[in-house]
Each structure stands twice: as C-alpha cells, then as structure tokens.
C-alpha cells in the first residue's frame, strides 16, 4: 500500500527537524568539549559557507548524541512495556523492519523490536547469559526480566507476582481479538495457555 502524500510530507518534515536538532546538539557538544570552530562550504561547490566544527570532533560528538538518543529510546521502550504495550506495537512505532539492520534481527516486527531493545541474539553476551529487557510490572510491582515475544508471560516474563502474568495475557489477548473469538470471557479462554503459549507479537 502506498503512503498517502500528506503522510509522506509530515514524515519528511519530522526527519528534517530531527536531523537539524541532532546537528545543533552535535555542534554544541563538540564546542563544549573544546572543538575548534571552522567555516566550510554548505556543500561541495557551494558559494555560501556555514559554521561547523572539525570533522573528528564533530563525528565524536555525533556518536555521543547517537548513544544518548539510543539510551532515551530504551527508556521509552521500558515505559511502553510497563504501560502494557506489546513488542509489535513498539516495533511499529519505531518503524522497524525485521532483519532490516543488524539491530533489528528477527522474523517479525515484534522480534525486531525486542532485538533493538535487548541486543542481538548472536552477541557474545547473549550466548553467555541470554537476553532480557527489564521493566517493572504495574500490577504486581515485580521487576520483570522480559525475554521477548516468544512465549506467554509465565515463561518469557519471569518476575511477575501472583496472577499478574495471567492477567497480562488476558489483557493482551483481549486487545488482539477485540472481544471476539470463542464467546468466552478472556480469562476463561486462557486456562490452557501454558500448553499452548500465547505468542505476543
């Protein structure tokens, strides 16, 4: 399906605004660290010049801005999980493509989102210790070690107290089915979910 023209225009403006903000932040950080101010053509062959910083100082500062933005992205992902958002919803909001880049490995949008948050499954850390993404459950206040959108919370979200894992499954299944399905209350439909894990995608 083609993206409507107004949506493409809004997206282009958002990207431009983000890049401009990142550039300003990069220059400010580089100057704060003592970089030397230079003037260079706006682009190759241009007559007008712009204020900038030395390339090495600029790339170093840009990298720090990138890491800082990634830190805040993970914080918002944690907030979203604590608010009950699924990995699929998070992946769509981030515009992730399964397998599109190394930090988006996975067969589904949900798996790509989990990789983006918890790291690549083939990293040395993942092989040694496994992957998890911590957040706190709003129902039981337990610290959850989220292992991804692969099984039901009882298996993939250790740390829940009481029946909050089952309630979480019920809430997510209800959202996905929109109240339709077997004509039973959501909790009733979940009685056998341990033998047929709910894939939270």
Protein backbone atom coordinates (compact mmCIF):
# COMPACT_ATOMS: atom_id res chain seq x y z
CA UNK A 1 0.00 0.00 0.00
CA UNK A 2 1.35 3.41 -1.00
CA UNK A 3 1.82 6.03 1.69
CA UNK A 4 -0.59 8.99 1.19
CA UNK A 5 1.10 12.20 0.08
CA UNK A 6 0.20 14.19 3.25
CA UNK A 7 1.68 11.41 5.41
CA UNK A 8 4.91 11.45 3.36
CA UNK A 9 5.15 15.23 3.75
CA UNK A 10 4.68 15.00 7.52
CA UNK A 11 7.30 12.24 7.70
CA UNK A 12 9.77 14.30 5.65
CA UNK A 13 9.29 17.30 7.94
CA UNK A 14 9.81 15.12 11.02
CA UNK A 15 13.04 13.66 9.60
CA UNK A 16 14.32 17.12 8.67
CA UNK A 17 13.52 18.50 12.13
CA UNK A 18 15.26 15.55 13.80
CA UNK A 19 18.39 15.96 11.69
CA UNK A 20 18.55 19.68 12.35
CA UNK A 21 18.14 19.12 16.09
CA UNK A 22 20.86 16.44 16.03
CA UNK A 23 23.22 18.76 14.15
CA UNK A 24 22.70 21.59 16.62
CA UNK A 25 23.22 19.24 19.54
CA UNK A 26 26.36 17.79 17.92
CA UNK A 27 27.96 21.21 17.38
CA UNK A 28 27.03 22.37 20.87
CA UNK A 29 28.54 19.25 22.45
CA UNK A 30 31.71 19.47 20.36
CA UNK A 31 32.19 23.13 21.30
CA UNK A 32 31.59 22.26 24.93
CA UNK A 33 34.42 19.73 24.64
CA UNK A 34 36.76 22.34 23.19
CA UNK A 35 36.43 21.75 19.44
CA UNK A 36 37.70 24.43 17.10
CA UNK A 37 35.15 26.35 15.02
CA UNK A 38 35.69 26.23 11.27
CA UNK A 39 33.83 27.56 8.24
CA UNK A 40 33.24 25.37 5.21
CA UNK A 41 31.06 25.36 2.08
CA UNK A 42 27.48 24.25 2.77
CA UNK A 43 28.11 21.50 0.22
CA UNK A 44 30.79 20.74 -2.36
CA UNK A 45 30.94 23.56 -4.88
CA UNK A 46 28.66 25.87 -2.88
CA UNK A 47 29.48 29.59 -2.68
CA UNK A 48 27.96 30.11 0.75
CA UNK A 49 29.79 28.89 3.85
CA UNK A 50 28.46 27.58 7.14
CA UNK A 51 29.79 27.45 10.67
CA UNK A 52 30.89 23.99 11.76
CA UNK A 53 33.45 22.11 13.86
CA UNK A 54 36.44 19.99 12.87
CA UNK A 55 35.40 16.63 11.34
CA UNK A 56 36.96 14.38 14.01
CA UNK A 57 35.47 16.44 16.83
CA UNK A 58 32.14 16.51 15.01
CA UNK A 59 31.97 12.75 14.47
CA UNK A 60 32.94 12.09 18.08
CA UNK A 61 30.19 14.41 19.34
CA UNK A 62 27.66 12.98 16.87
CA UNK A 63 28.42 9.48 18.14
CA UNK A 64 27.80 10.60 21.72
CA UNK A 65 24.48 12.15 20.65
CA UNK A 66 23.57 8.89 18.90
CA UNK A 67 24.31 6.88 22.04
CA UNK A 68 22.40 9.36 24.17
CA UNK A 69 19.36 9.13 21.89
CA UNK A 70 19.54 5.33 21.98
CA UNK A 71 19.59 5.45 25.79
CA UNK A 72 16.41 7.54 25.84
CA UNK A 73 14.78 5.29 23.22
CA UNK A 74 15.31 2.30 25.51
CA UNK A 75 13.88 4.29 28.42
CA UNK A 76 10.72 5.00 26.42
CA UNK A 77 10.54 1.34 25.37
CA UNK A 78 10.63 0.39 29.04
CA UNK A 79 7.88 2.90 29.79
CA UNK A 80 5.82 1.44 26.93
CA UNK A 81 6.20 -2.13 28.23
CA UNK A 82 5.22 -1.00 31.71
CA UNK A 83 2.14 0.65 30.18
CA UNK A 84 1.12 -2.67 28.61
CA UNK A 85 2.28 -2.06 25.04
CA UNK A 86 3.28 -5.15 23.06
CA UNK A 87 6.58 -5.63 21.26
CA UNK A 88 4.67 -5.50 17.98
CA UNK A 89 3.25 -2.08 18.85
CA UNK A 90 6.68 -0.84 19.87
CA UNK A 91 8.25 -2.10 16.64
CA UNK A 92 5.61 -0.39 14.52
CA UNK A 93 6.02 2.88 16.42
CA UNK A 94 9.79 2.74 15.83
CA UNK A 95 9.34 1.91 12.15
CA UNK A 96 11.46 -1.25 12.47
CA UNK A 97 11.81 -3.80 9.67
CA UNK A 98 12.53 -7.44 10.63
CA UNK A 99 16.11 -8.15 9.58
CA UNK A 100 16.44 -4.69 8.04
CA UNK A 101 19.58 -3.94 10.05
CA UNK A 102 21.80 -5.82 12.49
CA UNK A 103 19.99 -4.31 15.48
CA UNK A 104 16.61 -5.37 14.06
CA UNK A 105 17.19 -9.14 13.78
CA UNK A 106 14.05 -11.26 13.90
CA UNK A 107 11.31 -12.86 11.84
CA UNK A 108 8.57 -10.43 12.93
CA UNK A 109 8.24 -6.75 13.83
CA UNK A 110 7.88 -7.81 17.48
CA UNK A 111 11.15 -9.79 17.40
CA UNK A 112 12.92 -6.91 15.65
CA UNK A 113 11.74 -4.55 18.40
CA UNK A 114 12.99 -6.91 21.09
CA UNK A 115 16.39 -7.19 19.40
CA UNK A 116 16.57 -3.39 19.18
CA UNK A 117 15.95 -3.16 22.92
CA UNK A 118 17.76 -6.22 24.28
CA UNK A 119 20.61 -6.71 21.81
CA UNK A 120 21.42 -9.11 19.00
CA UNK A 121 20.74 -12.81 19.75
CA UNK A 122 24.14 -13.84 18.35
CA UNK A 123 26.21 -11.48 20.51
CA UNK A 124 28.69 -12.96 22.97
CA UNK A 125 26.69 -11.60 25.91
CA UNK A 126 23.51 -13.21 24.59
CA UNK A 127 25.25 -16.56 24.12
CA UNK A 128 26.73 -16.47 27.61
CA UNK A 129 23.85 -15.07 29.64
CA UNK A 130 20.80 -14.96 27.39
CA UNK A 131 18.86 -11.80 26.61
CA UNK A 132 16.44 -9.90 28.80
CA UNK A 133 14.93 -6.44 28.96
CA UNK A 134 14.00 -5.28 32.48
CA UNK A 135 10.86 -3.34 33.36
CA UNK A 136 8.52 -3.16 36.35
CA UNK A 137 5.02 -4.64 36.28
CA UNK A 138 2.32 -2.12 37.18
CA UNK A 139 0.05 -4.87 38.56
CA UNK A 140 2.39 -6.71 40.94
CA UNK A 141 5.32 -4.24 41.13
CA UNK A 142 7.65 -7.12 40.28
CA UNK A 143 10.87 -6.49 38.34
CA UNK A 144 10.36 -8.35 35.07
CA UNK A 145 13.18 -9.90 33.04
CA UNK A 146 11.46 -9.74 29.68
CA UNK A 147 12.80 -12.48 27.40
CA UNK A 148 10.94 -11.38 24.32
CA UNK A 149 7.75 -12.00 22.31
CA UNK A 150 8.15 -15.75 22.12
CA UNK A 151 6.03 -17.33 24.88
CA UNK A 152 3.41 -16.33 27.40
CA UNK A 153 4.48 -14.10 30.35
CA UNK A 154 4.79 -17.10 32.68
CA UNK A 155 7.72 -18.26 30.54
CA UNK A 156 9.00 -15.09 28.87
CA UNK A 157 8.40 -12.57 31.68
CA UNK A 158 9.77 -14.10 34.91
CA UNK A 159 9.31 -11.83 37.90
CA UNK A 160 5.52 -11.47 37.98
CA UNK A 161 3.88 -11.96 41.35
CA UNK A 162 0.52 -13.62 41.93
CA UNK A 163 -1.77 -13.83 38.93
CA UNK A 164 -0.48 -10.78 37.09
CA UNK A 165 1.09 -12.90 34.34
CA UNK A 166 -2.27 -14.47 33.53
CA UNK A 167 -3.99 -11.09 33.77
CA UNK A 168 -1.39 -9.69 31.39
CA UNK A 169 -2.05 -12.49 28.91
CA UNK A 170 -5.79 -11.90 29.21
CA UNK A 171 -5.41 -8.18 28.61
CA UNK A 172 -3.18 -8.66 25.56
CA UNK A 173 -5.34 -11.43 24.07
CA UNK A 174 -8.44 -9.31 24.60
CA UNK A 175 -6.79 -6.41 22.76
CA UNK A 176 -5.70 -8.64 19.89
CA UNK A 177 -9.09 -10.36 19.49
CA UNK A 178 -11.19 -7.28 20.15
CA UNK A 179 -13.58 -9.29 22.34
CA UNK A 180 -14.28 -11.78 19.53
CA UNK A 181 -13.47 -15.44 19.34
CA UNK A 182 -14.89 -18.29 21.40
CA UNK A 183 -17.70 -16.45 23.13
CA UNK A 184 -15.99 -16.93 26.48
CA UNK A 185 -14.52 -14.37 28.86
CA UNK A 186 -10.88 -13.78 28.01
CA UNK A 187 -9.70 -15.29 31.27
CA UNK A 188 -11.68 -18.44 30.51
CA UNK A 189 -10.02 -18.78 27.12
CA UNK A 190 -6.60 -18.62 28.81
CA UNK A 191 -6.93 -21.58 31.14
CA UNK A 192 -4.79 -23.74 28.88
CA UNK A 193 -2.28 -21.13 27.80
CA UNK A 194 0.66 -22.97 29.41
CA UNK A 195 0.21 -25.88 26.98
CA UNK A 196 -0.31 -23.50 24.05
CA UNK A 197 1.76 -20.39 24.81
CA UNK A 198 0.38 -17.10 23.58
CA UNK A 199 2.75 -15.51 21.11
CA UNK A 200 2.78 -11.84 21.98
CA UNK A 201 3.58 -10.27 18.63
